[in-house]
Amino acid sequence: MDIIRFRKSCSDNGAHYNAHLRKQGLERLEKSLKSGKLTKEKINNRGYNKYLKIKNEIAVEIDYAAFKADNKWNGLKGYVTNCTLSETEIMDNYKQLWTIEKAFRISKTDLRVRPIYHRLERRIKTHICIAFCSYKIYKELERNIKLKKLLLSVEQTINELKTIYQAQIILPKSKKRTAIFLPLNLQQQMILKAFDINF
């Protein structure tokens, strides 16, 4: 069974903001009603359409009683859950939701998990596994950037690393082959120094 939990906003700003948004939504509905754009098809629970009702089975009108009744929710945020965590734990976990959404965004854009052009199951699984490993490397780079206090994002760091040149040198006497990096700018030098790479 789902349990609904509520949290009161820390200040009255949340309640005033909720009331302001609801008032704006009502004004948009009133404007649409006057212009004749509202029809029976618009009556649903999406957004502020929940304040619409049918009058005499023909006309659509705004349910002002429902609008006023919703004032009791100003400044409250509801969480629907069926888990046994405490209220504090649920709210703390919910605050981390952005990290999951960011992970999906990175996997779709930077790591290009989709579209998947494979049709065999093992190839699809391999594709996702490679994307997951790429995401792990991405997160490890992000962690190291924070650790080393580089003033660059992961994307900026990757873009700079892509353009660093490397030269292969054969020493004349020992014939030993060695490689040196040739940073083109200060940002590339900063990255190499942070990761203790000689150049």
Protein backbone atom coordinates (compact mmCIF):
# COMPACT_ATOMS: atom_id res chain seq x y z
CA MET A 1 0.00 0.00 0.00
CA ASP A 2 1.31 3.45 -0.92
CA ILE A 3 1.97 5.89 1.91
CA ILE A 4 1.84 9.62 1.28
CA ARG A 5 4.19 11.76 3.34
CA PHE A 6 4.31 15.53 3.45
CA ARG A 7 7.05 18.00 4.27
CA LYS A 8 6.38 21.61 5.23
CA SER A 9 8.55 24.17 3.41
CA CYS A 10 11.31 25.75 5.51
CA SER A 11 9.87 29.22 5.00
CA ASP A 12 6.67 30.88 3.84
CA ASN A 13 8.31 31.57 0.47
CA GLY A 14 7.35 28.08 -0.76
CA ALA A 15 3.69 28.63 0.15
CA HIS A 16 3.62 32.07 -1.52
CA TYR A 17 5.30 30.64 -4.63
CA ASN A 18 2.77 27.76 -4.83
CA ALA A 19 -0.11 30.23 -4.51
CA HIS A 20 1.42 32.49 -7.17
CA LEU A 21 1.80 29.62 -9.67
CA ARG A 22 -1.74 28.41 -9.04
CA LYS A 23 -3.11 31.94 -9.55
CA GLN A 24 -1.21 32.20 -12.87
CA GLY A 25 -2.65 28.84 -13.95
CA LEU A 26 -6.18 30.00 -13.07
CA GLU A 27 -5.72 33.23 -15.04
CA ARG A 28 -4.64 31.21 -18.10
CA LEU A 29 -7.73 29.01 -17.76
CA GLU A 30 -9.99 32.08 -17.46
CA LYS A 31 -8.40 33.58 -20.57
CA SER A 32 -8.91 30.33 -22.53
CA LEU A 33 -12.51 30.09 -21.27
CA LYS A 34 -13.29 33.64 -22.49
CA SER A 35 -11.77 32.93 -25.88
CA GLY A 36 -13.90 29.77 -26.26
CA LYS A 37 -10.87 27.46 -26.56
CA LEU A 38 -11.89 25.19 -23.67
CA THR A 39 -13.84 22.08 -24.64
CA LYS A 40 -14.85 18.82 -22.93
CA GLU A 41 -11.65 17.23 -24.26
CA LYS A 42 -9.60 19.61 -22.09
CA ILE A 43 -11.05 18.19 -18.85
CA ASN A 44 -8.35 15.99 -17.35
CA ASN A 45 -5.98 15.93 -14.39
CA ARG A 46 -3.08 17.46 -16.29
CA GLY A 47 -1.76 20.60 -14.59
CA TYR A 48 -4.38 23.22 -13.85
CA ASN A 49 -7.00 21.52 -16.05
CA LYS A 50 -8.11 19.73 -12.87
CA TYR A 51 -10.03 22.93 -12.04
CA LEU A 52 -12.31 22.48 -15.05
CA LYS A 53 -15.74 20.86 -14.89
CA ILE A 54 -18.72 20.39 -17.20
CA LYS A 55 -21.78 22.50 -16.55
CA ASN A 56 -25.17 21.13 -17.65
CA GLU A 57 -23.32 18.45 -19.71
CA ILE A 58 -22.70 21.14 -22.36
CA ALA A 59 -20.59 24.06 -21.12
CA VAL A 60 -17.16 23.93 -19.55
CA GLU A 61 -16.55 26.16 -16.53
CA ILE A 62 -13.88 26.67 -13.87
CA ASP A 63 -14.39 24.91 -10.53
CA TYR A 64 -13.44 27.75 -8.15
CA ALA A 65 -14.25 25.62 -5.08
CA ALA A 66 -11.55 23.10 -6.12
CA PHE A 67 -9.15 25.98 -6.73
CA LYS A 68 -9.73 27.39 -3.21
CA ALA A 69 -9.54 23.95 -1.63
CA ASP A 70 -6.03 23.47 -3.04
CA ASN A 71 -4.76 26.40 -0.95
CA LYS A 72 -4.27 23.96 1.95
CA TRP A 73 -1.40 22.35 -0.03
CA ASN A 74 0.60 25.59 -0.32
CA GLY A 75 4.11 25.07 1.02
CA LEU A 76 3.73 21.29 1.22
CA LYS A 77 5.50 18.68 -0.87
CA GLY A 78 4.12 15.13 -1.01
CA TYR A 79 6.07 11.89 -1.38
CA VAL A 80 4.23 8.69 -2.35
CA THR A 81 6.11 5.57 -1.31
CA ASN A 82 5.61 1.98 -0.17
CA CYS A 83 9.03 1.60 1.51
CA THR A 84 9.76 1.38 5.23
CA LEU A 85 12.35 4.17 5.35
CA SER A 86 11.86 7.04 7.78
CA GLU A 87 10.50 10.36 6.51
CA THR A 88 13.95 11.97 6.77
CA GLU A 89 15.58 9.13 4.79
CA ILE A 90 12.91 9.34 2.06
CA MET A 91 13.39 13.09 1.68
CA ASP A 92 17.20 12.79 1.72
CA ASN A 93 17.05 10.12 -1.01
CA TYR A 94 14.65 12.24 -3.07
CA LYS A 95 17.14 15.13 -2.96
CA GLN A 96 19.65 12.86 -4.75
CA LEU A 97 17.25 12.24 -7.66
CA TRP A 98 19.13 14.81 -9.78
CA THR A 99 22.22 12.55 -9.80
CA ILE A 100 20.20 9.72 -11.38
CA GLU A 101 18.72 12.11 -13.95
CA LYS A 102 22.22 13.42 -14.70
CA ALA A 103 23.47 9.84 -15.19
CA PHE A 104 20.71 9.20 -17.74
CA ARG A 105 21.50 12.47 -19.52
CA ILE A 106 25.22 11.66 -19.71
CA SER A 107 24.55 8.11 -20.94
CA LYS A 108 22.22 9.40 -23.67
CA THR A 109 24.29 12.37 -24.86
CA ASP A 110 28.01 12.03 -24.05
CA LEU A 111 28.20 8.22 -24.02
CA ARG A 112 25.57 7.69 -26.76
CA VAL A 113 23.93 4.59 -25.30
CA ARG A 114 21.02 5.15 -27.66
CA PRO A 115 20.08 4.47 -30.36
CA ILE A 116 21.08 0.80 -30.28
CA TYR A 117 21.42 -0.63 -33.78
CA HIS A 118 22.00 -4.25 -32.67
CA ARG A 119 19.32 -6.92 -32.84
CA LEU A 120 21.03 -9.88 -31.13
CA GLU A 121 20.58 -9.98 -27.35
CA ARG A 122 24.26 -10.55 -26.51
CA ARG A 123 25.31 -7.62 -28.71
CA ILE A 124 22.74 -5.34 -27.06
CA LYS A 125 24.01 -6.43 -23.62
CA THR A 126 27.61 -5.86 -24.71
CA HIS A 127 26.72 -2.39 -26.02
CA ILE A 128 25.11 -1.48 -22.66
CA CYS A 129 28.05 -3.01 -20.74
CA ILE A 130 30.54 -0.88 -22.71
CA ALA A 131 28.39 2.22 -22.08
CA PHE A 132 28.26 1.39 -18.35
CA CYS A 133 32.08 0.99 -18.23
CA SER A 134 32.41 4.33 -20.06
CA TYR A 135 30.13 5.95 -17.48
CA LYS A 136 32.29 4.50 -14.67
CA ILE A 137 35.43 6.00 -16.28
CA TYR A 138 33.56 9.30 -16.75
CA LYS A 139 32.62 9.38 -13.04
CA GLU A 140 36.17 8.46 -12.00
CA LEU A 141 37.52 11.35 -14.09
CA GLU A 142 34.93 13.64 -12.49
CA ARG A 143 36.02 12.48 -9.02
CA ASN A 144 39.71 13.07 -9.82
CA ILE A 145 39.01 16.53 -11.26
CA LYS A 146 37.32 17.50 -7.96
CA LEU A 147 40.10 15.88 -5.94
CA LYS A 148 42.82 17.75 -7.83
CA LYS A 149 40.77 20.98 -7.72
CA LEU A 150 40.92 21.57 -11.47
CA LEU A 151 38.67 24.42 -12.55
CA LEU A 152 37.36 22.44 -15.53
CA SER A 153 34.30 20.32 -16.19
CA VAL A 154 34.60 16.70 -17.34
CA GLU A 155 33.55 17.74 -20.86
CA GLN A 156 36.17 20.51 -21.00
CA THR A 157 38.88 18.13 -19.73
CA ILE A 158 38.00 15.47 -22.32
CA ASN A 159 37.98 18.07 -25.12
CA GLU A 160 41.41 19.34 -24.06
CA LEU A 161 42.81 15.79 -23.79
CA LYS A 162 41.60 15.00 -27.31
CA THR A 163 43.79 17.74 -28.78
CA ILE A 164 47.06 17.06 -26.92
CA TYR A 165 49.81 15.99 -29.31
CA GLN A 166 52.34 13.30 -28.50
CA ALA A 167 55.74 12.93 -30.15
CA GLN A 168 57.73 9.68 -30.42
CA ILE A 169 61.49 10.24 -30.03
CA ILE A 170 64.34 7.77 -30.62
CA LEU A 171 67.44 8.77 -28.66
CA PRO A 172 70.51 8.77 -30.98
CA LYS A 173 72.99 6.92 -28.75
CA SER A 174 70.87 4.42 -26.81
CA LYS A 175 68.27 4.04 -29.57
CA LYS A 176 65.71 4.06 -26.80
CA ARG A 177 62.20 5.07 -27.89
CA THR A 178 60.39 7.56 -25.69
CA ALA A 179 57.20 9.61 -25.93
CA ILE A 180 56.62 13.20 -24.84
CA PHE A 181 53.43 15.21 -24.70
CA LEU A 182 53.21 18.58 -26.40
CA PRO A 183 50.53 20.65 -24.65
CA LEU A 184 49.23 23.47 -26.82
CA ASN A 185 47.83 25.73 -24.09
CA LEU A 186 47.77 26.45 -20.34
CA GLN A 187 44.70 24.29 -19.74
CA GLN A 188 46.40 21.24 -21.24
CA GLN A 189 49.53 21.94 -19.15
CA MET A 190 47.35 22.26 -16.06
CA ILE A 191 45.68 18.86 -16.72
CA LEU A 192 49.02 17.09 -17.31
CA LYS A 193 50.53 18.60 -14.14
CA ALA A 194 47.48 17.65 -12.06
CA PHE A 195 47.75 14.03 -13.18
CA ASP A 196 51.59 13.95 -12.76
CA ILE A 197 52.24 13.40 -16.48
CA ASN A 198 55.63 14.65 -17.68
CA PHE A 199 55.82 16.85 -20.76
